Amino acid sequence: MMHNTSSLLTCGIYSVPEASRLTGVSTGRIRRWATAAGQPLWTPALPDQDGKSAITFHEMLEAAAVALLLDGAGHTLAGFRDLHAAVPSAHRFPLLNSNVVLSDSLGSPLRPLLDQLDYRPGAALPHRWWPTGRDAFIVLDPARSFGEPVLDRTGTPTRAIAAPILAGNETAKSSASCWEASIQEVEAAVYFERRLGCGVGFFSLQRGSP
């Protein structure tokens, strides 16, 4: 399903390495499952451009859901391929789709992911992801900063806050003043980006591993 130009502005677009960094799913898996360069489980929303692949917000989360079920619930990739081929367009991304998964036995193994997603009333697909929990300040929303991780209250990208602090050029206090954020919000952004910089994506963030 191809997106028109206007919808691309709000669908969230992530390079394969960025999607891997955020979810913890390997770049190889994402490229195989979700892009035209691999053997995708669904029709990719975006074509490859000059040999480079990108995926949307929902594609990134669906890939995370597939990985979660493959690694922790004993499902097979062939089964997911059959599932995605069989569902009608109204049930696109069935592992995220509230018309499918929330009333399905798959919902239980996916609970760590589903609990971090916001669905608008009546909407089948999520519009926001809280990758470190709803009380941790940080959200991904395709309608805000093109889907980058941001502080929910201010909309400031976590990368912009954390980079100068991690480089030793700024303190949490001075950053909080600069970005009109609380110390707690700044510390959450730094912690989030530091963990991602160590290759710790969604799964490890959820499990609290070092």
N, C-alpha and C. Protein backbone atom coordinates (compact mmCIF):
# COMPACT_ATOMS: atom_id res chain seq x y z
N MET A 1 0.86 -1.20 0.00
CA MET A 1 0.00 0.00 0.00
C MET A 1 0.88 1.24 0.00
N MET A 2 0.89 1.99 -1.08
CA MET A 2 1.72 3.17 -1.18
C MET A 2 1.01 4.37 -0.57
N HIS A 3 1.78 5.23 0.07
CA HIS A 3 1.24 6.44 0.67
C HIS A 3 1.39 7.60 -0.30
N ASN A 4 0.42 8.54 -0.27
CA ASN A 4 0.60 9.74 -1.05
C ASN A 4 1.51 10.70 -0.28
N THR A 5 1.92 11.78 -0.96
CA THR A 5 2.92 12.67 -0.37
C THR A 5 2.46 13.26 0.94
N SER A 6 1.21 13.68 1.03
CA SER A 6 0.74 14.32 2.26
C SER A 6 0.71 13.33 3.42
N SER A 7 0.32 12.08 3.16
CA SER A 7 0.26 11.12 4.25
C SER A 7 1.64 10.70 4.73
N LEU A 8 2.66 10.83 3.86
CA LEU A 8 4.02 10.50 4.27
C LEU A 8 4.49 11.39 5.41
N LEU A 9 3.94 12.60 5.49
CA LEU A 9 4.36 13.53 6.54
C LEU A 9 3.90 13.09 7.91
N THR A 10 2.91 12.22 7.97
CA THR A 10 2.36 11.81 9.28
C THR A 10 2.37 10.31 9.48
N CYS A 11 3.06 9.56 8.62
CA CYS A 11 3.09 8.11 8.80
C CYS A 11 4.31 7.65 9.57
N GLY A 12 5.25 8.56 9.81
CA GLY A 12 6.49 8.19 10.48
C GLY A 12 7.36 7.37 9.55
N ILE A 13 8.56 7.84 9.25
CA ILE A 13 9.46 7.13 8.36
C ILE A 13 10.79 6.91 9.06
N TYR A 14 11.26 5.68 9.03
CA TYR A 14 12.47 5.30 9.74
C TYR A 14 13.38 4.51 8.80
N SER A 15 14.66 4.83 8.81
CA SER A 15 15.61 3.98 8.10
C SER A 15 15.66 2.63 8.81
N VAL A 16 16.17 1.64 8.11
CA VAL A 16 16.27 0.32 8.72
C VAL A 16 17.16 0.36 9.98
N PRO A 17 18.34 1.01 9.94
CA PRO A 17 19.14 1.09 11.17
C PRO A 17 18.42 1.80 12.31
N GLU A 18 17.68 2.86 11.99
CA GLU A 18 16.96 3.59 13.05
C GLU A 18 15.86 2.73 13.65
N ALA A 19 15.11 2.01 12.82
CA ALA A 19 14.07 1.12 13.33
C ALA A 19 14.68 0.02 14.20
N SER A 20 15.83 -0.48 13.79
CA SER A 20 16.53 -1.48 14.59
C SER A 20 16.97 -0.91 15.92
N ARG A 21 17.49 0.31 15.88
CA ARG A 21 17.95 0.97 17.11
C ARG A 21 16.80 1.15 18.11
N LEU A 22 15.63 1.49 17.60
CA LEU A 22 14.49 1.75 18.47
C LEU A 22 13.84 0.48 19.01
N THR A 23 13.77 -0.55 18.20
CA THR A 23 13.05 -1.76 18.60
C THR A 23 13.93 -2.86 19.15
N GLY A 24 15.20 -2.86 18.77
CA GLY A 24 16.05 -3.97 19.15
C GLY A 24 15.97 -5.14 18.19
N VAL A 25 15.13 -5.04 17.16
CA VAL A 25 15.05 -6.07 16.12
C VAL A 25 16.22 -5.84 15.17
N SER A 26 16.91 -6.90 14.76
CA SER A 26 18.10 -6.74 13.94
C SER A 26 17.78 -6.09 12.60
N THR A 27 18.78 -5.41 12.04
CA THR A 27 18.59 -4.79 10.73
C THR A 27 18.27 -5.85 9.68
N GLY A 28 18.88 -7.02 9.79
CA GLY A 28 18.62 -8.09 8.82
C GLY A 28 17.18 -8.53 8.84
N ARG A 29 16.63 -8.70 10.03
CA ARG A 29 15.22 -9.11 10.13
C ARG A 29 14.30 -8.03 9.56
N ILE A 30 14.54 -6.79 9.94
CA ILE A 30 13.67 -5.71 9.45
C ILE A 30 13.75 -5.62 7.92
N ARG A 31 14.95 -5.71 7.39
CA ARG A 31 15.10 -5.62 5.94
C ARG A 31 14.39 -6.77 5.23
N ARG A 32 14.48 -7.98 5.80
CA ARG A 32 13.83 -9.14 5.18
C ARG A 32 12.31 -9.07 5.31
N TRP A 33 11.81 -8.68 6.48
CA TRP A 33 10.38 -8.76 6.76
C TRP A 33 9.57 -7.58 6.24
N ALA A 34 10.21 -6.40 6.12
CA ALA A 34 9.40 -5.18 5.94
C ALA A 34 9.78 -4.32 4.75
N THR A 35 10.80 -4.70 3.96
CA THR A 35 11.21 -3.82 2.88
C THR A 35 11.20 -4.56 1.54
N ALA A 36 11.17 -3.77 0.49
CA ALA A 36 11.17 -4.34 -0.86
C ALA A 36 12.48 -5.04 -1.19
N ALA A 37 13.52 -4.76 -0.42
CA ALA A 37 14.82 -5.38 -0.67
C ALA A 37 14.88 -6.82 -0.15
N GLY A 38 13.90 -7.21 0.68
CA GLY A 38 13.90 -8.54 1.25
C GLY A 38 12.78 -9.40 0.71
N GLN A 39 12.21 -10.23 1.60
CA GLN A 39 11.04 -11.04 1.27
C GLN A 39 9.94 -10.64 2.25
N PRO A 40 9.35 -9.46 2.03
CA PRO A 40 8.48 -8.86 3.05
C PRO A 40 7.25 -9.70 3.37
N LEU A 41 6.84 -9.61 4.64
CA LEU A 41 5.64 -10.31 5.10
C LEU A 41 4.38 -9.61 4.63
N TRP A 42 4.49 -8.33 4.30
CA TRP A 42 3.36 -7.55 3.79
C TRP A 42 3.88 -6.66 2.66
N THR A 43 2.99 -6.04 1.92
CA THR A 43 3.42 -5.14 0.85
C THR A 43 4.01 -3.88 1.46
N PRO A 44 5.28 -3.60 1.24
CA PRO A 44 5.90 -2.42 1.86
C PRO A 44 5.22 -1.12 1.42
N ALA A 45 5.13 -0.19 2.36
CA ALA A 45 4.51 1.09 2.05
C ALA A 45 5.42 1.99 1.23
N LEU A 46 6.73 1.78 1.34
CA LEU A 46 7.69 2.68 0.70
C LEU A 46 8.60 1.90 -0.23
N PRO A 47 8.88 2.43 -1.42
CA PRO A 47 9.84 1.77 -2.32
C PRO A 47 11.27 2.03 -1.85
N ASP A 48 12.18 1.16 -2.24
CA ASP A 48 13.59 1.45 -1.99
C ASP A 48 14.02 2.62 -2.85
N GLN A 49 14.88 3.46 -2.29
CA GLN A 49 15.40 4.61 -3.02
C GLN A 49 16.92 4.52 -3.07
N ASP A 50 17.47 4.34 -4.26
CA ASP A 50 18.93 4.26 -4.43
C ASP A 50 19.54 3.19 -3.53
N GLY A 51 18.83 2.07 -3.44
CA GLY A 51 19.35 0.96 -2.64
C GLY A 51 19.15 1.10 -1.15
N LYS A 52 18.47 2.15 -0.71
CA LYS A 52 18.23 2.36 0.72
C LYS A 52 16.76 2.13 1.04
N SER A 53 16.52 1.45 2.14
CA SER A 53 15.16 1.10 2.53
C SER A 53 14.71 1.93 3.72
N ALA A 54 13.41 2.18 3.78
CA ALA A 54 12.82 2.84 4.94
C ALA A 54 11.46 2.20 5.20
N ILE A 55 11.01 2.28 6.44
CA ILE A 55 9.72 1.70 6.80
C ILE A 55 8.92 2.72 7.61
N THR A 56 7.63 2.47 7.73
CA THR A 56 6.74 3.37 8.44
C THR A 56 6.63 2.97 9.91
N PHE A 57 5.98 3.83 10.67
CA PHE A 57 5.73 3.60 12.10
C PHE A 57 5.04 2.26 12.33
N HIS A 58 3.97 1.99 11.60
CA HIS A 58 3.24 0.74 11.80
C HIS A 58 4.05 -0.47 11.34
N GLU A 59 4.82 -0.32 10.29
CA GLU A 59 5.67 -1.42 9.85
C GLU A 59 6.74 -1.73 10.90
N MET A 60 7.30 -0.70 11.49
CA MET A 60 8.31 -0.91 12.54
C MET A 60 7.71 -1.67 13.73
N LEU A 61 6.52 -1.27 14.15
CA LEU A 61 5.89 -1.92 15.29
C LEU A 61 5.43 -3.34 14.95
N GLU A 62 4.96 -3.55 13.74
CA GLU A 62 4.56 -4.90 13.33
C GLU A 62 5.78 -5.82 13.32
N ALA A 63 6.91 -5.33 12.84
CA ALA A 63 8.14 -6.12 12.86
C ALA A 63 8.55 -6.45 14.29
N ALA A 64 8.39 -5.50 15.20
CA ALA A 64 8.69 -5.75 16.61
C ALA A 64 7.77 -6.83 17.17
N ALA A 65 6.50 -6.79 16.77
CA ALA A 65 5.55 -7.80 17.24
C ALA A 65 5.90 -9.18 16.71
N VAL A 66 6.28 -9.25 15.44
CA VAL A 66 6.69 -10.54 14.86
C VAL A 66 7.88 -11.10 15.62
N ALA A 67 8.88 -10.26 15.88
CA ALA A 67 10.08 -10.71 16.59
C ALA A 67 9.73 -11.18 18.00
N LEU A 68 8.85 -10.46 18.66
CA LEU A 68 8.45 -10.83 20.02
C LEU A 68 7.81 -12.21 20.05
N LEU A 69 6.96 -12.50 19.08
CA LEU A 69 6.28 -13.79 19.02
C LEU A 69 7.21 -14.91 18.56
N LEU A 70 8.09 -14.61 17.63
CA LEU A 70 9.05 -15.62 17.18
C LEU A 70 10.00 -16.02 18.30
N ASP A 71 10.48 -15.03 19.04
CA ASP A 71 11.51 -15.30 20.04
C ASP A 71 10.95 -15.80 21.36
N GLY A 72 9.70 -15.46 21.65
CA GLY A 72 9.20 -15.80 22.97
C GLY A 72 7.98 -16.67 23.03
N ALA A 73 7.34 -16.92 21.88
CA ALA A 73 6.08 -17.66 21.93
C ALA A 73 6.04 -18.85 20.99
N GLY A 74 7.16 -19.17 20.35
CA GLY A 74 7.23 -20.39 19.56
C GLY A 74 6.51 -20.38 18.24
N HIS A 75 6.17 -19.22 17.72
CA HIS A 75 5.51 -19.15 16.42
C HIS A 75 6.55 -19.27 15.30
N THR A 76 6.09 -19.49 14.09
CA THR A 76 7.00 -19.64 12.95
C THR A 76 6.84 -18.49 11.97
N LEU A 77 7.91 -18.19 11.26
CA LEU A 77 7.86 -17.12 10.27
C LEU A 77 6.89 -17.48 9.15
N ALA A 78 6.86 -18.75 8.77
CA ALA A 78 5.93 -19.18 7.72
C ALA A 78 4.49 -18.90 8.14
N GLY A 79 4.18 -19.11 9.41
CA GLY A 79 2.84 -18.82 9.90
C GLY A 79 2.49 -17.35 9.79
N PHE A 80 3.44 -16.49 10.09
CA PHE A 80 3.19 -15.05 9.97
C PHE A 80 3.05 -14.64 8.51
N ARG A 81 3.81 -15.28 7.64
CA ARG A 81 3.69 -14.97 6.22
C ARG A 81 2.27 -15.33 5.73
N ASP A 82 1.78 -16.48 6.15
CA ASP A 82 0.42 -16.88 5.78
C ASP A 82 -0.62 -15.93 6.36
N LEU A 83 -0.42 -15.53 7.62
CA LEU A 83 -1.36 -14.62 8.27
C LEU A 83 -1.45 -13.30 7.53
N HIS A 84 -0.32 -12.71 7.20
CA HIS A 84 -0.33 -11.41 6.54
C HIS A 84 -0.88 -11.50 5.11
N ALA A 85 -0.68 -12.64 4.48
CA ALA A 85 -1.22 -12.82 3.13
C ALA A 85 -2.72 -12.98 3.15
N ALA A 86 -3.26 -13.51 4.25
CA ALA A 86 -4.68 -13.84 4.31
C ALA A 86 -5.57 -12.70 4.77
N VAL A 87 -5.04 -11.77 5.55
CA VAL A 87 -5.91 -10.75 6.14
C VAL A 87 -6.35 -9.73 5.10
N PRO A 88 -7.58 -9.26 5.18
CA PRO A 88 -8.05 -8.19 4.28
C PRO A 88 -7.40 -6.87 4.64
N SER A 89 -7.51 -5.91 3.74
CA SER A 89 -6.86 -4.63 3.97
C SER A 89 -7.36 -3.93 5.23
N ALA A 90 -8.60 -4.19 5.61
CA ALA A 90 -9.14 -3.58 6.83
C ALA A 90 -8.43 -4.09 8.08
N HIS A 91 -7.79 -5.24 7.95
CA HIS A 91 -7.07 -5.83 9.08
C HIS A 91 -5.56 -5.80 8.85
N ARG A 92 -5.10 -4.84 8.07
CA ARG A 92 -3.67 -4.69 7.80
C ARG A 92 -2.91 -4.58 9.12
N PHE A 93 -1.72 -5.12 9.17
CA PHE A 93 -0.91 -5.21 10.38
C PHE A 93 -1.69 -5.91 11.49
N PRO A 94 -2.00 -7.17 11.29
CA PRO A 94 -2.89 -7.88 12.22
C PRO A 94 -2.34 -8.02 13.63
N LEU A 95 -1.04 -7.97 13.81
CA LEU A 95 -0.48 -8.11 15.16
C LEU A 95 -0.65 -6.83 15.97
N LEU A 96 -0.96 -5.74 15.31
CA LEU A 96 -1.24 -4.46 15.98
C LEU A 96 -2.70 -4.10 15.92
N ASN A 97 -3.41 -4.66 14.94
CA ASN A 97 -4.77 -4.23 14.62
C ASN A 97 -5.74 -4.60 15.74
N SER A 98 -6.38 -3.60 16.32
CA SER A 98 -7.27 -3.85 17.46
C SER A 98 -8.49 -4.68 17.09
N ASN A 99 -8.82 -4.74 15.79
CA ASN A 99 -9.93 -5.59 15.37
C ASN A 99 -9.54 -7.06 15.34
N VAL A 100 -8.24 -7.34 15.45
CA VAL A 100 -7.75 -8.71 15.36
C VAL A 100 -7.11 -9.15 16.66
N VAL A 101 -6.01 -8.49 17.01
CA VAL A 101 -5.15 -9.04 18.06
C VAL A 101 -5.71 -8.87 19.46
N LEU A 102 -6.45 -7.81 19.73
CA LEU A 102 -6.92 -7.60 21.09
C LEU A 102 -7.99 -8.59 21.51
N SER A 103 -8.58 -9.29 20.53
CA SER A 103 -9.56 -10.32 20.86
C SER A 103 -9.03 -11.70 20.50
N ASP A 104 -7.72 -11.80 20.24
CA ASP A 104 -7.12 -13.03 19.76
C ASP A 104 -6.17 -13.59 20.80
N SER A 105 -5.87 -14.87 20.71
CA SER A 105 -4.95 -15.50 21.65
C SER A 105 -3.54 -14.94 21.51
N LEU A 106 -3.21 -14.32 20.36
CA LEU A 106 -1.90 -13.72 20.20
C LEU A 106 -1.71 -12.53 21.14
N GLY A 107 -2.81 -11.96 21.60
CA GLY A 107 -2.72 -10.74 22.39
C GLY A 107 -1.90 -10.89 23.65
N SER A 108 -1.96 -12.05 24.30
CA SER A 108 -1.26 -12.23 25.57
C SER A 108 0.25 -12.16 25.43
N PRO A 109 0.88 -12.92 24.52
CA PRO A 109 2.33 -12.79 24.36
C PRO A 109 2.77 -11.39 23.91
N LEU A 110 1.88 -10.68 23.26
CA LEU A 110 2.21 -9.34 22.77
C LEU A 110 1.96 -8.25 23.81
N ARG A 111 1.45 -8.63 24.97
CA ARG A 111 1.04 -7.65 25.96
C ARG A 111 2.13 -6.64 26.32
N PRO A 112 3.43 -7.05 26.44
CA PRO A 112 4.45 -6.04 26.75
C PRO A 112 4.50 -4.91 25.73
N LEU A 113 4.24 -5.23 24.47
CA LEU A 113 4.22 -4.19 23.43
C LEU A 113 2.88 -3.47 23.40
N LEU A 114 1.79 -4.20 23.41
CA LEU A 114 0.47 -3.58 23.30
C LEU A 114 0.20 -2.60 24.44
N ASP A 115 0.74 -2.89 25.61
CA ASP A 115 0.52 -2.00 26.75
C ASP A 115 1.18 -0.65 26.57
N GLN A 116 2.11 -0.55 25.60
CA GLN A 116 2.80 0.71 25.37
C GLN A 116 2.21 1.51 24.20
N LEU A 117 1.12 1.01 23.62
CA LEU A 117 0.53 1.65 22.45
C LEU A 117 -0.76 2.36 22.79
N ASP A 118 -0.98 3.52 22.17
CA ASP A 118 -2.24 4.26 22.30
C ASP A 118 -3.05 4.10 21.03
N TYR A 119 -4.34 3.81 21.21
CA TYR A 119 -5.28 3.70 20.09
C TYR A 119 -6.36 4.78 20.26
N ARG A 120 -6.62 5.52 19.23
CA ARG A 120 -7.74 6.45 19.29
C ARG A 120 -9.05 5.67 19.33
N PRO A 121 -10.11 6.21 19.93
CA PRO A 121 -11.39 5.51 19.96
C PRO A 121 -11.84 5.12 18.55
N GLY A 122 -12.12 3.86 18.35
CA GLY A 122 -12.60 3.37 17.07
C GLY A 122 -11.51 3.10 16.05
N ALA A 123 -10.25 3.43 16.36
CA ALA A 123 -9.16 3.22 15.40
C ALA A 123 -8.62 1.80 15.52
N ALA A 124 -8.26 1.23 14.37
CA ALA A 124 -7.73 -0.14 14.35
C ALA A 124 -6.25 -0.19 14.67
N LEU A 125 -5.51 0.86 14.31
CA LEU A 125 -4.06 0.86 14.48
C LEU A 125 -3.61 1.94 15.46
N PRO A 126 -2.52 1.70 16.15
CA PRO A 126 -2.07 2.66 17.17
C PRO A 126 -1.53 3.94 16.55
N HIS A 127 -1.59 5.00 17.32
CA HIS A 127 -1.04 6.28 16.83
C HIS A 127 0.12 6.77 17.69
N ARG A 128 0.37 6.12 18.84
CA ARG A 128 1.50 6.53 19.67
C ARG A 128 2.12 5.31 20.34
N TRP A 129 3.43 5.40 20.59
CA TRP A 129 4.17 4.33 21.25
C TRP A 129 4.99 4.95 22.38
N TRP A 130 4.83 4.39 23.59
CA TRP A 130 5.59 4.81 24.76
C TRP A 130 6.67 3.74 25.01
N PRO A 131 7.85 3.85 24.43
CA PRO A 131 8.80 2.73 24.43
C PRO A 131 9.37 2.38 25.79
N THR A 132 9.34 3.31 26.75
CA THR A 132 9.85 3.00 28.09
C THR A 132 8.76 3.09 29.15
N GLY A 133 7.51 3.08 28.72
CA GLY A 133 6.40 3.15 29.66
C GLY A 133 5.75 4.52 29.69
N ARG A 134 4.50 4.53 30.08
CA ARG A 134 3.72 5.77 30.02
C ARG A 134 4.15 6.81 31.06
N ASP A 135 4.88 6.37 32.08
CA ASP A 135 5.31 7.32 33.12
C ASP A 135 6.75 7.78 32.91
N ALA A 136 7.32 7.47 31.75
CA ALA A 136 8.74 7.78 31.51
C ALA A 136 8.94 8.95 30.55
N PHE A 137 7.89 9.71 30.25
CA PHE A 137 7.97 11.00 29.54
C PHE A 137 8.14 10.91 28.03
N ILE A 138 8.59 9.77 27.49
CA ILE A 138 9.03 9.72 26.09
C ILE A 138 8.02 8.98 25.22
N VAL A 139 7.70 9.58 24.07
CA VAL A 139 6.70 9.00 23.18
C VAL A 139 7.18 9.11 21.73
N LEU A 140 6.73 8.16 20.91
CA LEU A 140 6.89 8.26 19.46
C LEU A 140 5.50 8.42 18.87
N ASP A 141 5.32 9.48 18.11
CA ASP A 141 4.04 9.81 17.51
C ASP A 141 4.33 10.33 16.10
N PRO A 142 3.88 9.61 15.06
CA PRO A 142 4.19 10.04 13.69
C PRO A 142 3.76 11.45 13.36
N ALA A 143 2.80 11.98 14.10
CA ALA A 143 2.33 13.34 13.84
C ALA A 143 3.21 14.40 14.51
N ARG A 144 4.20 13.97 15.26
CA ARG A 144 5.07 14.91 15.96
C ARG A 144 6.53 14.63 15.59
N SER A 145 7.22 15.63 15.09
CA SER A 145 8.64 15.51 14.74
C SER A 145 8.92 14.29 13.87
N PHE A 146 7.98 14.00 12.95
CA PHE A 146 8.14 12.90 11.98
C PHE A 146 8.35 11.55 12.66
N GLY A 147 7.83 11.41 13.89
CA GLY A 147 7.91 10.12 14.57
C GLY A 147 9.16 9.91 15.39
N GLU A 148 10.02 10.92 15.51
CA GLU A 148 11.19 10.80 16.38
C GLU A 148 10.75 10.64 17.83
N PRO A 149 11.56 10.00 18.67
CA PRO A 149 11.26 10.01 20.10
C PRO A 149 11.34 11.43 20.65
N VAL A 150 10.29 11.84 21.34
CA VAL A 150 10.24 13.20 21.89
C VAL A 150 9.74 13.15 23.33
N LEU A 151 10.00 14.22 24.07
CA LEU A 151 9.35 14.40 25.36
C LEU A 151 7.89 14.72 25.09
N ASP A 152 6.99 13.99 25.72
CA ASP A 152 5.58 14.15 25.42
C ASP A 152 5.10 15.57 25.74
N ARG A 153 5.51 16.12 26.86
CA ARG A 153 4.98 17.42 27.29
C ARG A 153 5.46 18.55 26.39
N THR A 154 6.72 18.52 25.96
CA THR A 154 7.28 19.65 25.22
C THR A 154 7.44 19.38 23.72
N GLY A 155 7.47 18.12 23.33
CA GLY A 155 7.70 17.78 21.93
C GLY A 155 9.15 17.87 21.50
N THR A 156 10.06 18.04 22.44
CA THR A 156 11.49 18.15 22.12
C THR A 156 12.07 16.78 21.83
N PRO A 157 12.77 16.60 20.70
CA PRO A 157 13.39 15.30 20.42
C PRO A 157 14.41 14.92 21.49
N THR A 158 14.36 13.67 21.93
CA THR A 158 15.30 13.21 22.95
C THR A 158 16.74 13.33 22.47
N ARG A 159 16.96 13.13 21.20
CA ARG A 159 18.32 13.21 20.65
C ARG A 159 18.89 14.61 20.83
N ALA A 160 18.06 15.64 20.60
CA ALA A 160 18.53 17.02 20.73
C ALA A 160 18.90 17.35 22.17
N ILE A 161 18.17 16.79 23.12
CA ILE A 161 18.46 17.03 24.53
C ILE A 161 19.71 16.27 24.96
N ALA A 162 19.79 15.01 24.57
CA ALA A 162 20.84 14.14 25.11
C ALA A 162 22.21 14.38 24.50
N ALA A 163 22.28 14.72 23.22
CA ALA A 163 23.57 14.78 22.53
C ALA A 163 24.59 15.69 23.22
N PRO A 164 24.25 16.95 23.54
CA PRO A 164 25.27 17.80 24.18
C PRO A 164 25.63 17.35 25.59
N ILE A 165 24.69 16.72 26.28
CA ILE A 165 24.99 16.22 27.63
C ILE A 165 25.94 15.03 27.55
N LEU A 166 25.65 14.11 26.65
CA LEU A 166 26.50 12.94 26.51
C LEU A 166 27.89 13.30 25.98
N ALA A 167 27.98 14.42 25.27
CA ALA A 167 29.27 14.89 24.77
C ALA A 167 30.04 15.69 25.83
N GLY A 168 29.42 15.92 26.98
CA GLY A 168 30.07 16.65 28.05
C GLY A 168 30.02 18.15 27.90
N ASN A 169 29.16 18.64 27.02
CA ASN A 169 29.10 20.08 26.75
C ASN A 169 27.98 20.80 27.50
N GLU A 170 27.18 20.06 28.22
CA GLU A 170 26.03 20.66 28.90
C GLU A 170 25.67 19.80 30.10
N THR A 171 25.04 20.42 31.08
CA THR A 171 24.55 19.69 32.25
C THR A 171 23.04 19.49 32.14
N ALA A 172 22.52 18.58 32.94
CA ALA A 172 21.08 18.36 32.93
C ALA A 172 20.34 19.63 33.35
N LYS A 173 20.91 20.37 34.29
CA LYS A 173 20.26 21.60 34.77
C LYS A 173 20.20 22.66 33.67
N SER A 174 21.33 22.86 32.98
CA SER A 174 21.33 23.88 31.92
C SER A 174 20.45 23.45 30.75
N SER A 175 20.41 22.15 30.47
CA SER A 175 19.56 21.65 29.39
C SER A 175 18.09 21.85 29.73
N ALA A 176 17.74 21.58 30.98
CA ALA A 176 16.35 21.76 31.40
C ALA A 176 15.92 23.21 31.23
N SER A 177 16.80 24.13 31.56
CA SER A 177 16.49 25.55 31.39
C SER A 177 16.35 25.91 29.91
N CYS A 178 17.26 25.38 29.10
CA CYS A 178 17.25 25.68 27.66
C CYS A 178 15.99 25.17 26.99
N TRP A 179 15.59 23.96 27.33
CA TRP A 179 14.46 23.31 26.64
C TRP A 179 13.13 23.47 27.38
N GLU A 180 13.15 24.21 28.48
CA GLU A 180 11.94 24.40 29.30
C GLU A 180 11.35 23.04 29.70
N ALA A 181 12.24 22.18 30.14
CA ALA A 181 11.87 20.84 30.59
C ALA A 181 12.26 20.69 32.05
N SER A 182 11.71 19.69 32.70
CA SER A 182 12.11 19.39 34.07
C SER A 182 13.41 18.59 34.06
N ILE A 183 14.09 18.58 35.20
CA ILE A 183 15.30 17.77 35.33
C ILE A 183 14.98 16.31 35.06
N GLN A 184 13.83 15.86 35.56
CA GLN A 184 13.43 14.46 35.37
C GLN A 184 13.24 14.13 33.90
N GLU A 185 12.64 15.06 33.14
CA GLU A 185 12.46 14.83 31.70
C GLU A 185 13.80 14.76 30.98
N VAL A 186 14.71 15.66 31.34
CA VAL A 186 16.03 15.66 30.72
C VAL A 186 16.76 14.36 31.05
N GLU A 187 16.73 13.94 32.29
CA GLU A 187 17.41 12.71 32.68
C GLU A 187 16.80 11.50 31.96
N ALA A 188 15.49 11.51 31.78
CA ALA A 188 14.85 10.41 31.05
C ALA A 188 15.32 10.38 29.60
N ALA A 189 15.44 11.55 28.97
CA ALA A 189 15.90 11.61 27.58
C ALA A 189 17.33 11.11 27.45
N VAL A 190 18.18 11.50 28.38
CA VAL A 190 19.58 11.08 28.36
C VAL A 190 19.68 9.57 28.57
N TYR A 191 18.94 9.07 29.53
CA TYR A 191 18.95 7.63 29.80
C TYR A 191 18.48 6.85 28.57
N PHE A 192 17.42 7.32 27.97
CA PHE A 192 16.86 6.67 26.78
C PHE A 192 17.88 6.63 25.66
N GLU A 193 18.50 7.76 25.35
CA GLU A 193 19.45 7.82 24.24
C GLU A 193 20.73 7.05 24.56
N ARG A 194 21.15 7.08 25.82
CA ARG A 194 22.34 6.31 26.18
C ARG A 194 22.10 4.83 25.99
N ARG A 195 20.93 4.37 26.41
CA ARG A 195 20.60 2.95 26.25
C ARG A 195 20.54 2.57 24.78
N LEU A 196 19.89 3.40 23.97
CA LEU A 196 19.81 3.11 22.54
C LEU A 196 21.19 3.12 21.90
N GLY A 197 22.05 4.02 22.35
CA GLY A 197 23.39 4.07 21.83
C GLY A 197 24.21 2.83 22.13
N CYS A 198 23.80 2.10 23.17
CA CYS A 198 24.46 0.83 23.52
C CYS A 198 23.81 -0.36 22.81
N GLY A 199 22.87 -0.07 21.91
CA GLY A 199 22.21 -1.15 21.18
C GLY A 199 21.07 -1.79 21.94
N VAL A 200 20.52 -1.06 22.92
CA VAL A 200 19.42 -1.58 23.73
C VAL A 200 18.11 -1.00 23.19
N GLY A 201 17.33 -1.83 22.50
CA GLY A 201 16.08 -1.37 21.92
C GLY A 201 14.89 -1.73 22.79
N PHE A 202 13.74 -1.82 22.15
CA PHE A 202 12.46 -2.01 22.86
C PHE A 202 12.47 -3.18 23.83
N PHE A 203 12.93 -4.34 23.40
CA PHE A 203 12.80 -5.53 24.23
C PHE A 203 13.61 -5.41 25.51
N SER A 204 14.85 -4.95 25.39
CA SER A 204 15.69 -4.82 26.58
C SER A 204 15.21 -3.69 27.47
N LEU A 205 14.71 -2.62 26.86
CA LEU A 205 14.16 -1.52 27.65
C LEU A 205 12.99 -2.01 28.49
N GLN A 206 12.15 -2.86 27.90
CA GLN A 206 11.01 -3.38 28.63
C GLN A 206 11.42 -4.30 29.76
N ARG A 207 12.51 -5.06 29.55
CA ARG A 207 12.93 -6.03 30.55
C ARG A 207 13.85 -5.42 31.59
N GLY A 208 14.26 -4.17 31.36
CA GLY A 208 15.08 -3.50 32.33
C GLY A 208 16.51 -4.02 32.41
N SER A 209 17.01 -4.62 31.33
CA SER A 209 18.36 -5.15 31.35
C SER A 209 19.38 -4.01 31.28
N PRO A 210 20.59 -4.24 31.76
CA PRO A 210 21.60 -3.17 31.77
C PRO A 210 22.10 -2.85 30.36
